[in-house]
Amino acid sequence: MTRQQRIELPPYSMFSQTPVHEIDVLRSVDPSGKLVVFGLLTEPLVKHSSDAVFRIPQGFEDRLDRISNRFYGTPDLWWAIAMVNNSLDPMAGFSRNQEIRVPLRSRLAKEGLLTV
């Protein structure tokens, strides 16, 4: 018996716009002969002149989720801030008084990641 699983992702998930591929695999791996995998982000977020510049205050060090919540109203877009600043390791974080770039809500809305 083949069991299919459908995954619904919120629009702000870093995987919401990634392609999903169905590939042929050996039947010993999956009896259906198919495997569904996520692709890579097709267009990563990069620095843009419209980004806000944010100086990390005390208490926000190493907390991209708090910065995301402050700018977007959800902690789940931490990855967008990390990506624009060339860091996808949420544990690395940033230091107090360091300036980072934060994409504006309108830019994320244009990318389909957040409703304005």
PDB file of N, CA and C in Angstrom:
ATOM      1  N   MET A   1       0.835  -1.169   0.000  1.00  0.00           N
ATOM      2  CA  MET A   1       0.000   0.000   0.000  1.00  0.00           C
ATOM      3  C   MET A   1       0.892   1.248   0.000  1.00  0.00           C
ATOM      4  N   THR A   2       0.517   2.201  -0.821  1.00  0.00           N
ATOM      5  CA  THR A   2       1.257   3.449  -0.894  1.00  0.00           C
ATOM      6  C   THR A   2       0.560   4.489  -0.040  1.00  0.00           C
ATOM      7  N   ARG A   3       1.326   5.139   0.789  1.00  0.00           N
ATOM      8  CA  ARG A   3       0.777   6.176   1.640  1.00  0.00           C
ATOM      9  C   ARG A   3       1.344   7.510   1.181  1.00  0.00           C
ATOM     10  N   GLN A   4       0.471   8.445   0.896  1.00  0.00           N
ATOM     11  CA  GLN A   4       0.925   9.764   0.486  1.00  0.00           C
ATOM     12  C   GLN A   4       0.711  10.739   1.622  1.00  0.00           C
ATOM     13  N   GLN A   5       1.636  11.653   1.752  1.00  0.00           N
ATOM     14  CA  GLN A   5       1.553  12.653   2.801  1.00  0.00           C
ATOM     15  C   GLN A   5       1.610  14.027   2.153  1.00  0.00           C
ATOM     16  N   ARG A   6       0.703  14.889   2.519  1.00  0.00           N
ATOM     17  CA  ARG A   6       0.700  16.254   2.010  1.00  0.00           C
ATOM     18  C   ARG A   6       1.118  17.176   3.147  1.00  0.00           C
ATOM     19  N   ILE A   7       2.039  18.052   2.857  1.00  0.00           N
ATOM     20  CA  ILE A   7       2.540  18.967   3.866  1.00  0.00           C
ATOM     21  C   ILE A   7       2.097  20.379   3.501  1.00  0.00           C
ATOM     22  N   GLU A   8       1.364  21.006   4.391  1.00  0.00           N
ATOM     23  CA  GLU A   8       0.960  22.397   4.204  1.00  0.00           C
ATOM     24  C   GLU A   8       1.942  23.277   4.965  1.00  0.00           C
ATOM     25  N   LEU A   9       2.539  24.209   4.278  1.00  0.00           N
ATOM     26  CA  LEU A   9       3.496  25.108   4.906  1.00  0.00           C
ATOM     27  C   LEU A   9       2.931  26.512   4.965  1.00  0.00           C
ATOM     28  N   PRO A  10       3.157  27.225   6.063  1.00  0.00           N
ATOM     29  CA  PRO A  10       2.707  28.610   6.115  1.00  0.00           C
ATOM     30  C   PRO A  10       3.490  29.434   5.093  1.00  0.00           C
ATOM     31  N   PRO A  11       2.908  30.514   4.578  1.00  0.00           N
ATOM     32  CA  PRO A  11       3.590  31.285   3.540  1.00  0.00           C
ATOM     33  C   PRO A  11       4.918  31.877   3.988  1.00  0.00           C
ATOM     34  N   TYR A  12       5.146  32.030   5.297  1.00  0.00           N
ATOM     35  CA  TYR A  12       6.405  32.601   5.766  1.00  0.00           C
ATOM     36  C   TYR A  12       7.483  31.543   6.017  1.00  0.00           C
ATOM     37  N   SER A  13       7.180  30.286   5.745  1.00  0.00           N
ATOM     38  CA  SER A  13       8.190  29.237   5.892  1.00  0.00           C
ATOM     39  C   SER A  13       9.268  29.419   4.833  1.00  0.00           C
ATOM     40  N   MET A  14      10.522  29.174   5.198  1.00  0.00           N
ATOM     41  CA  MET A  14      11.588  29.319   4.219  1.00  0.00           C
ATOM     42  C   MET A  14      11.481  28.276   3.102  1.00  0.00           C
ATOM     43  N   PHE A  15      10.599  27.290   3.261  1.00  0.00           N
ATOM     44  CA  PHE A  15      10.421  26.272   2.232  1.00  0.00           C
ATOM     45  C   PHE A  15       9.127  26.426   1.453  1.00  0.00           C
ATOM     46  N   SER A  16       8.344  27.465   1.727  1.00  0.00           N
ATOM     47  CA  SER A  16       7.016  27.581   1.119  1.00  0.00           C
ATOM     48  C   SER A  16       7.060  27.748  -0.397  1.00  0.00           C
ATOM     49  N   GLN A  17       8.106  28.352  -0.928  1.00  0.00           N
ATOM     50  CA  GLN A  17       8.176  28.579  -2.365  1.00  0.00           C
ATOM     51  C   GLN A  17       9.228  27.713  -3.051  1.00  0.00           C
ATOM     52  N   THR A  18       9.733  26.722  -2.332  1.00  0.00           N
ATOM     53  CA  THR A  18      10.712  25.849  -2.959  1.00  0.00           C
ATOM     54  C   THR A  18       9.995  24.800  -3.787  1.00  0.00           C
ATOM     55  N   PRO A  19      10.583  24.413  -4.897  1.00  0.00           N
ATOM     56  CA  PRO A  19       9.928  23.395  -5.717  1.00  0.00           C
ATOM     57  C   PRO A  19       9.949  22.038  -5.021  1.00  0.00           C
ATOM     58  N   VAL A  20       8.925  21.259  -5.274  1.00  0.00           N
ATOM     59  CA  VAL A  20       8.852  19.897  -4.759  1.00  0.00           C
ATOM     60  C   VAL A  20       9.008  18.984  -5.957  1.00  0.00           C
ATOM     61  N   HIS A  21       9.938  18.045  -5.867  1.00  0.00           N
ATOM     62  CA  HIS A  21      10.233  17.162  -6.982  1.00  0.00           C
ATOM     63  C   HIS A  21       9.835  15.741  -6.642  1.00  0.00           C
ATOM     64  N   GLU A  22       9.255  15.064  -7.600  1.00  0.00           N
ATOM     65  CA  GLU A  22       8.983  13.642  -7.448  1.00  0.00           C
ATOM     66  C   GLU A  22      10.004  12.929  -8.322  1.00  0.00           C
ATOM     67  N   ILE A  23      10.817  12.102  -7.704  1.00  0.00           N
ATOM     68  CA  ILE A  23      11.869  11.421  -8.463  1.00  0.00           C
ATOM     69  C   ILE A  23      11.671   9.914  -8.374  1.00  0.00           C
ATOM     70  N   ASP A  24      12.144   9.223  -9.398  1.00  0.00           N
ATOM     71  CA  ASP A  24      12.080   7.769  -9.417  1.00  0.00           C
ATOM     72  C   ASP A  24      13.179   7.207  -8.519  1.00  0.00           C
ATOM     73  N   VAL A  25      12.827   6.220  -7.718  1.00  0.00           N
ATOM     74  CA  VAL A  25      13.800   5.566  -6.851  1.00  0.00           C
ATOM     75  C   VAL A  25      13.627   4.059  -6.961  1.00  0.00           C
ATOM     76  N   LEU A  26      14.591   3.352  -6.449  1.00  0.00           N
ATOM     77  CA  LEU A  26      14.492   1.898  -6.433  1.00  0.00           C
ATOM     78  C   LEU A  26      13.319   1.456  -5.562  1.00  0.00           C
ATOM     79  N   ARG A  27      12.650   0.419  -5.951  1.00  0.00           N
ATOM     80  CA  ARG A  27      11.503  -0.065  -5.181  1.00  0.00           C
ATOM     81  C   ARG A  27      11.932  -0.572  -3.804  1.00  0.00           C
ATOM     82  N   SER A  28      13.203  -0.892  -3.643  1.00  0.00           N
ATOM     83  CA  SER A  28      13.677  -1.299  -2.321  1.00  0.00           C
ATOM     84  C   SER A  28      13.722  -0.108  -1.360  1.00  0.00           C
ATOM     85  N   VAL A  29      13.816   1.100  -1.913  1.00  0.00           N
ATOM     86  CA  VAL A  29      13.821   2.306  -1.087  1.00  0.00           C
ATOM     87  C   VAL A  29      12.390   2.703  -0.740  1.00  0.00           C
ATOM     88  N   ASP A  30      11.506   2.666  -1.738  1.00  0.00           N
ATOM     89  CA  ASP A  30      10.102   3.016  -1.539  1.00  0.00           C
ATOM     90  C   ASP A  30       9.280   2.139  -2.471  1.00  0.00           C
ATOM     91  N   PRO A  31       8.325   1.380  -1.935  1.00  0.00           N
ATOM     92  CA  PRO A  31       7.529   0.471  -2.770  1.00  0.00           C
ATOM     93  C   PRO A  31       6.806   1.157  -3.919  1.00  0.00           C
ATOM     94  N   SER A  32       6.500   2.443  -3.789  1.00  0.00           N
ATOM     95  CA  SER A  32       5.802   3.153  -4.869  1.00  0.00           C
ATOM     96  C   SER A  32       6.739   3.470  -6.024  1.00  0.00           C
ATOM     97  N   GLY A  33       8.050   3.422  -5.758  1.00  0.00           N
ATOM     98  CA  GLY A  33       9.016   3.768  -6.794  1.00  0.00           C
ATOM     99  C   GLY A  33       9.209   5.261  -6.957  1.00  0.00           C
ATOM    100  N   LYS A  34       8.575   6.051  -6.091  1.00  0.00           N
ATOM    101  CA  LYS A  34       8.670   7.507  -6.173  1.00  0.00           C
ATOM    102  C   LYS A  34       9.104   8.070  -4.822  1.00  0.00           C
ATOM    103  N   LEU A  35       9.797   9.155  -4.864  1.00  0.00           N
ATOM    104  CA  LEU A  35      10.213   9.846  -3.662  1.00  0.00           C
ATOM    105  C   LEU A  35       9.991  11.332  -3.889  1.00  0.00           C
ATOM    106  N   VAL A  36       9.388  11.991  -2.951  1.00  0.00           N
ATOM    107  CA  VAL A  36       9.138  13.423  -3.061  1.00  0.00           C
ATOM    108  C   VAL A  36      10.147  14.148  -2.181  1.00  0.00           C
ATOM    109  N   VAL A  37      10.850  15.120  -2.772  1.00  0.00           N
ATOM    110  CA  VAL A  37      11.868  15.869  -2.028  1.00  0.00           C
ATOM    111  C   VAL A  37      11.706  17.358  -2.295  1.00  0.00           C
ATOM    112  N   PHE A  38      12.113  18.160  -1.324  1.00  0.00           N
ATOM    113  CA  PHE A  38      12.143  19.605  -1.513  1.00  0.00           C
ATOM    114  C   PHE A  38      13.341  19.965  -2.360  1.00  0.00           C
ATOM    115  N   GLY A  39      13.186  20.973  -3.192  1.00  0.00           N
ATOM    116  CA  GLY A  39      14.302  21.524  -3.941  1.00  0.00           C
ATOM    117  C   GLY A  39      14.973  22.601  -3.122  1.00  0.00           C
ATOM    118  N   LEU A  40      15.856  23.326  -3.734  1.00  0.00           N
ATOM    119  CA  LEU A  40      16.534  24.428  -3.061  1.00  0.00           C
ATOM    120  C   LEU A  40      15.764  25.717  -3.303  1.00  0.00           C
ATOM    121  N   LEU A  41      16.017  26.712  -2.487  1.00  0.00           N
ATOM    122  CA  LEU A  41      15.409  28.010  -2.733  1.00  0.00           C
ATOM    123  C   LEU A  41      15.846  28.491  -4.109  1.00  0.00           C
ATOM    124  N   THR A  42      14.912  28.885  -4.927  1.00  0.00           N
ATOM    125  CA  THR A  42      15.269  29.289  -6.278  1.00  0.00           C
ATOM    126  C   THR A  42      15.852  30.696  -6.324  1.00  0.00           C
ATOM    127  N   GLU A  43      15.324  31.589  -5.485  1.00  0.00           N
ATOM    128  CA  GLU A  43      15.827  32.951  -5.453  1.00  0.00           C
ATOM    129  C   GLU A  43      16.047  33.373  -4.007  1.00  0.00           C
ATOM    130  N   PRO A  44      17.265  33.219  -3.508  1.00  0.00           N
ATOM    131  CA  PRO A  44      17.504  33.593  -2.116  1.00  0.00           C
ATOM    132  C   PRO A  44      17.389  35.105  -1.934  1.00  0.00           C
ATOM    133  N   LEU A  45      17.038  35.506  -0.734  1.00  0.00           N
ATOM    134  CA  LEU A  45      16.982  36.932  -0.432  1.00  0.00           C
ATOM    135  C   LEU A  45      18.399  37.470  -0.293  1.00  0.00           C
ATOM    136  N   VAL A  46      18.654  38.591  -0.918  1.00  0.00           N
ATOM    137  CA  VAL A  46      19.965  39.242  -0.825  1.00  0.00           C
ATOM    138  C   VAL A  46      19.749  40.679  -0.351  1.00  0.00           C
ATOM    139  N   LYS A  47      20.821  41.327   0.033  1.00  0.00           N
ATOM    140  CA  LYS A  47      20.731  42.717   0.485  1.00  0.00           C
ATOM    141  C   LYS A  47      20.093  43.570  -0.606  1.00  0.00           C
ATOM    142  N   HIS A  48      19.323  44.553  -0.165  1.00  0.00           N
ATOM    143  CA  HIS A  48      18.660  45.464  -1.091  1.00  0.00           C
ATOM    144  C   HIS A  48      18.686  46.863  -0.476  1.00  0.00           C
ATOM    145  N   SER A  49      18.705  47.868  -1.310  1.00  0.00           N
ATOM    146  CA  SER A  49      18.777  49.244  -0.808  1.00  0.00           C
ATOM    147  C   SER A  49      17.560  49.642   0.021  1.00  0.00           C
ATOM    148  N   SER A  50      16.449  48.945  -0.137  1.00  0.00           N
ATOM    149  CA  SER A  50      15.242  49.267   0.632  1.00  0.00           C
ATOM    150  C   SER A  50      15.250  48.663   2.037  1.00  0.00           C
ATOM    151  N   ASP A  51      16.211  47.802   2.339  1.00  0.00           N
ATOM    152  CA  ASP A  51      16.255  47.165   3.654  1.00  0.00           C
ATOM    153  C   ASP A  51      16.471  48.202   4.761  1.00  0.00           C
ATOM    154  N   ALA A  52      15.843  47.953   5.904  1.00  0.00           N
ATOM    155  CA  ALA A  52      16.083  48.793   7.080  1.00  0.00           C
ATOM    156  C   ALA A  52      17.421  48.398   7.693  1.00  0.00           C
ATOM    157  N   VAL A  53      18.086  49.359   8.303  1.00  0.00           N
ATOM    158  CA  VAL A  53      19.315  49.073   9.047  1.00  0.00           C
ATOM    159  C   VAL A  53      18.923  49.084  10.525  1.00  0.00           C
ATOM    160  N   PHE A  54      19.263  47.994  11.210  1.00  0.00           N
ATOM    161  CA  PHE A  54      18.859  47.808  12.595  1.00  0.00           C
ATOM    162  C   PHE A  54      20.093  47.567  13.448  1.00  0.00           C
ATOM    163  N   ARG A  55      20.238  48.343  14.503  1.00  0.00           N
ATOM    164  CA  ARG A  55      21.353  48.162  15.442  1.00  0.00           C
ATOM    165  C   ARG A  55      20.854  47.246  16.556  1.00  0.00           C
ATOM    166  N   ILE A  56      21.547  46.151  16.773  1.00  0.00           N
ATOM    167  CA  ILE A  56      21.138  45.146  17.752  1.00  0.00           C
ATOM    168  C   ILE A  56      21.188  45.731  19.161  1.00  0.00           C
ATOM    169  N   PRO A  57      20.025  45.809  19.857  1.00  0.00           N
ATOM    170  CA  PRO A  57      20.028  46.305  21.234  1.00  0.00           C
ATOM    171  C   PRO A  57      20.327  45.180  22.226  1.00  0.00           C
ATOM    172  N   GLN A  58      20.602  45.556  23.452  1.00  0.00           N
ATOM    173  CA  GLN A  58      20.835  44.559  24.491  1.00  0.00           C
ATOM    174  C   GLN A  58      19.581  43.699  24.645  1.00  0.00           C
ATOM    175  N   GLY A  59      19.780  42.416  24.797  1.00  0.00           N
ATOM    176  CA  GLY A  59      18.667  41.484  24.936  1.00  0.00           C
ATOM    177  C   GLY A  59      18.252  40.854  23.615  1.00  0.00           C
ATOM    178  N   PHE A  60      18.749  41.388  22.497  1.00  0.00           N
ATOM    179  CA  PHE A  60      18.410  40.824  21.189  1.00  0.00           C
ATOM    180  C   PHE A  60      19.586  40.061  20.583  1.00  0.00           C
ATOM    181  N   GLU A  61      20.730  40.040  21.275  1.00  0.00           N
ATOM    182  CA  GLU A  61      21.891  39.310  20.773  1.00  0.00           C
ATOM    183  C   GLU A  61      21.501  37.848  20.594  1.00  0.00           C
ATOM    184  N   ASP A  62      21.934  37.263  19.513  1.00  0.00           N
ATOM    185  CA  ASP A  62      21.688  35.844  19.226  1.00  0.00           C
ATOM    186  C   ASP A  62      20.202  35.507  19.167  1.00  0.00           C
ATOM    187  N   ARG A  63      19.333  36.457  18.900  1.00  0.00           N
ATOM    188  CA  ARG A  63      17.901  36.191  18.890  1.00  0.00           C
ATOM    189  C   ARG A  63      17.242  36.766  17.639  1.00  0.00           C
ATOM    190  N   LEU A  64      17.507  36.141  16.519  1.00  0.00           N
ATOM    191  CA  LEU A  64      16.884  36.590  15.274  1.00  0.00           C
ATOM    192  C   LEU A  64      15.368  36.449  15.329  1.00  0.00           C
ATOM    193  N   ASP A  65      14.888  35.514  16.136  1.00  0.00           N
ATOM    194  CA  ASP A  65      13.436  35.354  16.260  1.00  0.00           C
ATOM    195  C   ASP A  65      12.806  36.597  16.891  1.00  0.00           C
ATOM    196  N   ARG A  66      13.489  37.224  17.835  1.00  0.00           N
ATOM    197  CA  ARG A  66      12.962  38.435  18.469  1.00  0.00           C
ATOM    198  C   ARG A  66      12.971  39.613  17.496  1.00  0.00           C
ATOM    199  N   ILE A  67      14.008  39.689  16.677  1.00  0.00           N
ATOM    200  CA  ILE A  67      14.072  40.755  15.676  1.00  0.00           C
ATOM    201  C   ILE A  67      12.962  40.554  14.648  1.00  0.00           C
ATOM    202  N   SER A  68      12.770  39.325  14.230  1.00  0.00           N
ATOM    203  CA  SER A  68      11.698  38.999  13.287  1.00  0.00           C
ATOM    204  C   SER A  68      10.340  39.382  13.872  1.00  0.00           C
ATOM    205  N   ASN A  69      10.118  39.047  15.120  1.00  0.00           N
ATOM    206  CA  ASN A  69       8.852  39.368  15.770  1.00  0.00           C
ATOM    207  C   ASN A  69       8.641  40.884  15.857  1.00  0.00           C
ATOM    208  N   ARG A  70       9.703  41.608  16.119  1.00  0.00           N
ATOM    209  CA  ARG A  70       9.614  43.068  16.229  1.00  0.00           C
ATOM    210  C   ARG A  70       9.245  43.699  14.884  1.00  0.00           C
ATOM    211  N   PHE A  71       9.841  43.210  13.786  1.00  0.00           N
ATOM    212  CA  PHE A  71       9.614  43.809  12.473  1.00  0.00           C
ATOM    213  C   PHE A  71       8.379  43.252  11.752  1.00  0.00           C
ATOM    214  N   TYR A  72       8.098  41.969  11.940  1.00  0.00           N
ATOM    215  CA  TYR A  72       7.063  41.319  11.132  1.00  0.00           C
ATOM    216  C   TYR A  72       5.870  40.799  11.927  1.00  0.00           C
ATOM    217  N   GLY A  73       5.966  40.815  13.253  1.00  0.00           N
ATOM    218  CA  GLY A  73       4.863  40.298  14.058  1.00  0.00           C
ATOM    219  C   GLY A  73       4.843  38.787  14.167  1.00  0.00           C
ATOM    220  N   THR A  74       5.894  38.137  13.717  1.00  0.00           N
ATOM    221  CA  THR A  74       6.037  36.687  13.853  1.00  0.00           C
ATOM    222  C   THR A  74       7.518  36.353  14.005  1.00  0.00           C
ATOM    223  N   PRO A  75       7.864  35.424  14.885  1.00  0.00           N
ATOM    224  CA  PRO A  75       9.270  35.037  15.027  1.00  0.00           C
ATOM    225  C   PRO A  75       9.741  34.108  13.908  1.00  0.00           C
ATOM    226  N   ASP A  76       8.798  33.652  13.093  1.00  0.00           N
ATOM    227  CA  ASP A  76       9.117  32.618  12.100  1.00  0.00           C
ATOM    228  C   ASP A  76       9.887  33.108  10.882  1.00  0.00           C
ATOM    229  N   LEU A  77      10.067  34.399  10.727  1.00  0.00           N
ATOM    230  CA  LEU A  77      10.809  34.914   9.566  1.00  0.00           C
ATOM    231  C   LEU A  77      12.262  35.250   9.907  1.00  0.00           C
ATOM    232  N   TRP A  78      12.783  34.657  10.982  1.00  0.00           N
ATOM    233  CA  TRP A  78      14.177  34.865  11.378  1.00  0.00           C
ATOM    234  C   TRP A  78      15.121  34.550  10.237  1.00  0.00           C
ATOM    235  N   TRP A  79      14.768  33.531   9.439  1.00  0.00           N
ATOM    236  CA  TRP A  79      15.632  33.064   8.359  1.00  0.00           C
ATOM    237  C   TRP A  79      15.802  34.120   7.268  1.00  0.00           C
ATOM    238  N   ALA A  80      14.775  34.963   7.040  1.00  0.00           N
ATOM    239  CA  ALA A  80      14.886  36.016   6.019  1.00  0.00           C
ATOM    240  C   ALA A  80      15.934  37.043   6.437  1.00  0.00           C
ATOM    241  N   ILE A  81      15.940  37.395   7.709  1.00  0.00           N
ATOM    242  CA  ILE A  81      16.932  38.347   8.230  1.00  0.00           C
ATOM    243  C   ILE A  81      18.323  37.722   8.154  1.00  0.00           C
ATOM    244  N   ALA A  82      18.420  36.464   8.537  1.00  0.00           N
ATOM    245  CA  ALA A  82      19.723  35.780   8.485  1.00  0.00           C
ATOM    246  C   ALA A  82      20.236  35.704   7.057  1.00  0.00           C
ATOM    247  N   MET A  83      19.355  35.373   6.110  1.00  0.00           N
ATOM    248  CA  MET A  83      19.777  35.211   4.722  1.00  0.00           C
ATOM    249  C   MET A  83      20.297  36.526   4.141  1.00  0.00           C
ATOM    250  N   VAL A  84      19.603  37.627   4.405  1.00  0.00           N
ATOM    251  CA  VAL A  84      20.021  38.929   3.888  1.00  0.00           C
ATOM    252  C   VAL A  84      21.382  39.328   4.468  1.00  0.00           C
ATOM    253  N   ASN A  85      21.683  38.832   5.670  1.00  0.00           N
ATOM    254  CA  ASN A  85      22.954  39.153   6.320  1.00  0.00           C
ATOM    255  C   ASN A  85      23.991  38.042   6.175  1.00  0.00           C
ATOM    256  N   ASN A  86      23.780  37.157   5.202  1.00  0.00           N
ATOM    257  CA  ASN A  86      24.718  36.069   4.893  1.00  0.00           C
ATOM    258  C   ASN A  86      25.006  35.155   6.071  1.00  0.00           C
ATOM    259  N   SER A  87      23.980  34.830   6.843  1.00  0.00           N
ATOM    260  CA  SER A  87      24.142  33.925   7.973  1.00  0.00           C
ATOM    261  C   SER A  87      22.880  33.105   8.129  1.00  0.00           C
ATOM    262  N   LEU A  88      22.955  31.810   7.892  1.00  0.00           N
ATOM    263  CA  LEU A  88      21.780  30.964   8.075  1.00  0.00           C
ATOM    264  C   LEU A  88      21.859  30.127   9.339  1.00  0.00           C
ATOM    265  N   ASP A  89      22.801  30.449  10.203  1.00  0.00           N
ATOM    266  CA  ASP A  89      22.927  29.738  11.467  1.00  0.00           C
ATOM    267  C   ASP A  89      22.266  30.569  12.558  1.00  0.00           C
ATOM    268  N   PRO A  90      21.047  30.183  12.992  1.00  0.00           N
ATOM    269  CA  PRO A  90      20.360  31.000  13.986  1.00  0.00           C
ATOM    270  C   PRO A  90      21.081  31.045  15.326  1.00  0.00           C
ATOM    271  N   MET A  91      21.955  30.107  15.582  1.00  0.00           N
ATOM    272  CA  MET A  91      22.687  30.085  16.841  1.00  0.00           C
ATOM    273  C   MET A  91      23.871  31.046  16.819  1.00  0.00           C
ATOM    274  N   ALA A  92      24.337  31.412  15.627  1.00  0.00           N
ATOM    275  CA  ALA A  92      25.473  32.329  15.535  1.00  0.00           C
ATOM    276  C   ALA A  92      25.052  33.728  15.966  1.00  0.00           C
ATOM    277  N   GLY A  93      23.889  34.156  15.501  1.00  0.00           N
ATOM    278  CA  GLY A  93      23.348  35.445  15.906  1.00  0.00           C
ATOM    279  C   GLY A  93      24.251  36.617  15.573  1.00  0.00           C
ATOM    280  N   PHE A  94      23.961  37.722  16.214  1.00  0.00           N
ATOM    281  CA  PHE A  94      24.719  38.944  16.009  1.00  0.00           C
ATOM    282  C   PHE A  94      25.022  39.548  17.371  1.00  0.00           C
ATOM    283  N   SER A  95      25.991  40.450  17.433  1.00  0.00           N
ATOM    284  CA  SER A  95      26.383  41.058  18.711  1.00  0.00           C
ATOM    285  C   SER A  95      25.645  42.367  18.951  1.00  0.00           C
ATOM    286  N   ARG A  96      25.596  42.748  20.224  1.00  0.00           N
ATOM    287  CA  ARG A  96      24.975  44.017  20.595  1.00  0.00           C
ATOM    288  C   ARG A  96      25.696  45.160  19.888  1.00  0.00           C
ATOM    289  N   ASN A  97      24.927  46.118  19.420  1.00  0.00           N
ATOM    290  CA  ASN A  97      25.389  47.301  18.680  1.00  0.00           C
ATOM    291  C   ASN A  97      25.817  47.013  17.244  1.00  0.00           C
ATOM    292  N   GLN A  98      25.794  45.764  16.824  1.00  0.00           N
ATOM    293  CA  GLN A  98      26.103  45.448  15.434  1.00  0.00           C
ATOM    294  C   GLN A  98      24.936  45.901  14.556  1.00  0.00           C
ATOM    295  N   GLU A  99      25.241  46.466  13.393  1.00  0.00           N
ATOM    296  CA  GLU A  99      24.198  46.868  12.455  1.00  0.00           C
ATOM    297  C   GLU A  99      23.943  45.742  11.466  1.00  0.00           C
ATOM    298  N   ILE A 100      22.672  45.415  11.307  1.00  0.00           N
ATOM    299  CA  ILE A 100      22.280  44.396  10.336  1.00  0.00           C
ATOM    300  C   ILE A 100      21.203  44.975   9.434  1.00  0.00           C
ATOM    301  N   ARG A 101      20.964  44.306   8.332  1.00  0.00           N
ATOM    302  CA  ARG A 101      19.924  44.717   7.401  1.00  0.00           C
ATOM    303  C   ARG A 101      18.689  43.859   7.649  1.00  0.00           C
ATOM    304  N   VAL A 102      17.522  44.496   7.578  1.00  0.00           N
ATOM    305  CA  VAL A 102      16.256  43.800   7.773  1.00  0.00           C
ATOM    306  C   VAL A 102      15.345  44.151   6.595  1.00  0.00           C
ATOM    307  N   PRO A 103      14.943  43.158   5.798  1.00  0.00           N
ATOM    308  CA  PRO A 103      14.038  43.453   4.681  1.00  0.00           C
ATOM    309  C   PRO A 103      12.723  44.034   5.196  1.00  0.00           C
ATOM    310  N   LEU A 104      12.215  45.028   4.505  1.00  0.00           N
ATOM    311  CA  LEU A 104      10.953  45.638   4.900  1.00  0.00           C
ATOM    312  C   LEU A 104       9.793  44.679   4.664  1.00  0.00           C
ATOM    313  N   ARG A 105       8.708  44.897   5.410  1.00  0.00           N
ATOM    314  CA  ARG A 105       7.496  44.075   5.259  1.00  0.00           C
ATOM    315  C   ARG A 105       7.012  44.095   3.810  1.00  0.00           C
ATOM    316  N   SER A 106       7.060  45.261   3.167  1.00  0.00           N
ATOM    317  CA  SER A 106       6.577  45.380   1.788  1.00  0.00           C
ATOM    318  C   SER A 106       7.395  44.504   0.841  1.00  0.00           C
ATOM    319  N   ARG A 107       8.676  44.401   1.094  1.00  0.00           N
ATOM    320  CA  ARG A 107       9.532  43.546   0.248  1.00  0.00           C
ATOM    321  C   ARG A 107       9.177  42.076   0.445  1.00  0.00           C
ATOM    322  N   LEU A 108       8.986  41.661   1.696  1.00  0.00           N
ATOM    323  CA  LEU A 108       8.611  40.270   1.956  1.00  0.00           C
ATOM    324  C   LEU A 108       7.228  39.967   1.401  1.00  0.00           C
ATOM    325  N   ALA A 109       6.337  40.956   1.423  1.00  0.00           N
ATOM    326  CA  ALA A 109       5.002  40.765   0.838  1.00  0.00           C
ATOM    327  C   ALA A 109       5.122  40.581  -0.679  1.00  0.00           C
ATOM    328  N   LYS A 110       5.973  41.373  -1.295  1.00  0.00           N
ATOM    329  CA  LYS A 110       6.195  41.251  -2.754  1.00  0.00           C
ATOM    330  C   LYS A 110       6.748  39.863  -3.096  1.00  0.00           C
ATOM    331  N   GLU A 111       7.581  39.318  -2.215  1.00  0.00           N
ATOM    332  CA  GLU A 111       8.164  37.981  -2.419  1.00  0.00           C
ATOM    333  C   GLU A 111       7.155  36.882  -2.088  1.00  0.00           C
ATOM    334  N   GLY A 112       5.983  37.260  -1.528  1.00  0.00           N
ATOM    335  CA  GLY A 112       4.964  36.277  -1.182  1.00  0.00           C
ATOM    336  C   GLY A 112       5.193  35.596   0.151  1.00  0.00           C
ATOM    337  N   LEU A 113       6.028  36.187   1.005  1.00  0.00           N
ATOM    338  CA  LEU A 113       6.364  35.570   2.278  1.00  0.00           C
ATOM    339  C   LEU A 113       5.561  36.118   3.450  1.00  0.00           C
ATOM    340  N   LEU A 114       4.933  37.271   3.253  1.00  0.00           N
ATOM    341  CA  LEU A 114       4.239  37.926   4.358  1.00  0.00           C
ATOM    342  C   LEU A 114       3.168  38.831   3.779  1.00  0.00           C
ATOM    343  N   THR A 115       2.020  38.869   4.421  1.00  0.00           N
ATOM    344  CA  THR A 115       0.988  39.799   3.998  1.00  0.00           C
ATOM    345  C   THR A 115       1.216  41.119   4.718  1.00  0.00           C
ATOM    346  N   VAL A 116       1.054  42.204   4.020  1.00  0.00           N
ATOM    347  CA  VAL A 116       1.327  43.534   4.589  1.00  0.00           C
ATOM    348  C   VAL A 116       0.286  43.878   5.623  1.00  0.00           C
TER     349      VAL A 116
END
